[in-house]
């Protein structure tokens, strides 16, 4: 883990971005940590955006509340329900 001040970040942005591939970099302002620079791939970004989308969080919370209120469904029952919906039969 490396520390870099705001001034260093401003002057050496590309070097610091490249260094973030190998390790996280803590950005400081006036000696206090203000941000963490963490390397992100396109796949990581997609996951991050989905996980932090307010609508997604709301749907997960609603599903958890519904499960808590009504209980779940057994795996065998779910498979049968899905097979009926698809119109396929078990071989």
Protein backbone atom coordinates (compact mmCIF):
# COMPACT_ATOMS: atom_id res chain seq x y z
CA UNK A 1 0.00 0.00 0.00
CA UNK A 2 1.36 3.38 -0.98
CA UNK A 3 0.48 6.93 -0.01
CA UNK A 4 0.41 9.89 -2.40
CA UNK A 5 -0.48 13.48 -1.69
CA UNK A 6 -2.85 15.52 -3.81
CA UNK A 7 0.05 17.56 -5.20
CA UNK A 8 1.89 14.38 -6.24
CA UNK A 9 -1.31 13.03 -7.80
CA UNK A 10 -1.72 16.23 -9.80
CA UNK A 11 1.87 16.20 -11.04
CA UNK A 12 2.28 12.46 -11.67
CA UNK A 13 -1.23 11.26 -12.50
CA UNK A 14 -0.30 8.62 -15.09
CA UNK A 15 2.54 7.22 -12.99
CA UNK A 16 0.24 6.88 -10.00
CA UNK A 17 -2.54 5.33 -12.10
CA UNK A 18 -0.07 2.79 -13.47
CA UNK A 19 1.20 2.05 -9.96
CA UNK A 20 -2.38 1.40 -8.82
CA UNK A 21 -2.39 -1.73 -11.01
CA UNK A 22 0.07 -3.34 -8.59
CA UNK A 23 -1.17 -1.92 -5.29
CA UNK A 24 -3.82 0.34 -3.79
CA UNK A 25 -2.77 3.94 -3.33
CA UNK A 26 -4.12 6.09 -0.54
CA UNK A 27 -4.52 9.72 -1.59
CA UNK A 28 -3.96 12.23 1.19
CA UNK A 29 -4.80 15.90 1.58
CA UNK A 30 -2.96 17.82 4.29
CA UNK A 31 -1.62 14.48 5.57
CA UNK A 32 -5.05 12.93 6.08
CA UNK A 33 -6.44 10.11 3.92
CA UNK A 34 -9.20 11.26 1.57
CA UNK A 35 -9.47 8.55 -1.10
CA UNK A 36 -8.18 5.17 -2.16
CA UNK A 37 -7.09 4.60 -5.73
CA UNK A 38 -7.82 0.99 -6.67
CA UNK A 39 -7.28 -0.55 -10.10
CA UNK A 40 -10.54 -1.57 -11.80
CA UNK A 41 -11.14 -3.77 -14.83
CA UNK A 42 -14.17 -3.42 -17.09
CA UNK A 43 -15.73 -6.49 -15.45
CA UNK A 44 -15.08 -5.06 -11.96
CA UNK A 45 -16.69 -1.79 -13.02
CA UNK A 46 -19.83 -3.52 -14.27
CA UNK A 47 -20.14 -5.43 -10.99
CA UNK A 48 -19.55 -2.28 -8.97
CA UNK A 49 -22.18 -0.31 -10.87
CA UNK A 50 -24.78 -3.04 -10.45
CA UNK A 51 -24.03 -3.62 -6.77
CA UNK A 52 -24.23 0.09 -5.98
CA UNK A 53 -27.28 0.96 -8.08
CA UNK A 54 -30.08 2.15 -5.78
CA UNK A 55 -32.72 0.28 -7.80
CA UNK A 56 -30.78 -2.99 -7.49
CA UNK A 57 -30.32 -2.55 -3.75
CA UNK A 58 -34.04 -1.87 -3.38
CA UNK A 59 -34.99 -5.03 -5.30
CA UNK A 60 -32.64 -7.17 -3.22
CA UNK A 61 -34.04 -5.73 0.01
CA UNK A 62 -37.63 -6.31 -1.20
CA UNK A 63 -36.83 -9.91 -2.16
CA UNK A 64 -35.24 -10.54 1.24
CA UNK A 65 -38.26 -9.08 3.02
CA UNK A 66 -40.65 -11.19 0.93
CA UNK A 67 -38.62 -14.31 1.66
CA UNK A 68 -38.65 -13.53 5.37
CA UNK A 69 -42.41 -12.97 5.33
CA UNK A 70 -43.50 -15.91 3.18
CA UNK A 71 -40.59 -18.33 3.27
CA UNK A 72 -38.89 -19.90 0.31
CA UNK A 73 -39.54 -22.79 -2.02
CA UNK A 74 -37.83 -26.16 -2.00
CA UNK A 75 -35.36 -26.81 -4.81
CA UNK A 76 -37.38 -29.78 -6.15
CA UNK A 77 -40.56 -27.69 -6.24
CA UNK A 78 -38.76 -24.89 -8.04
CA UNK A 79 -37.37 -27.27 -10.66
CA UNK A 80 -40.83 -28.74 -11.28
CA UNK A 81 -42.33 -25.26 -11.54
CA UNK A 82 -39.68 -24.17 -14.06
CA UNK A 83 -40.11 -27.36 -16.09
CA UNK A 84 -43.89 -26.81 -16.29
CA UNK A 85 -43.30 -23.22 -17.36
CA UNK A 86 -40.91 -24.33 -20.12
CA UNK A 87 -43.12 -27.21 -21.14
CA UNK A 88 -40.30 -29.75 -20.91
CA UNK A 89 -40.43 -33.08 -19.22
CA UNK A 90 -37.81 -34.77 -17.13
CA UNK A 91 -36.06 -37.63 -18.98
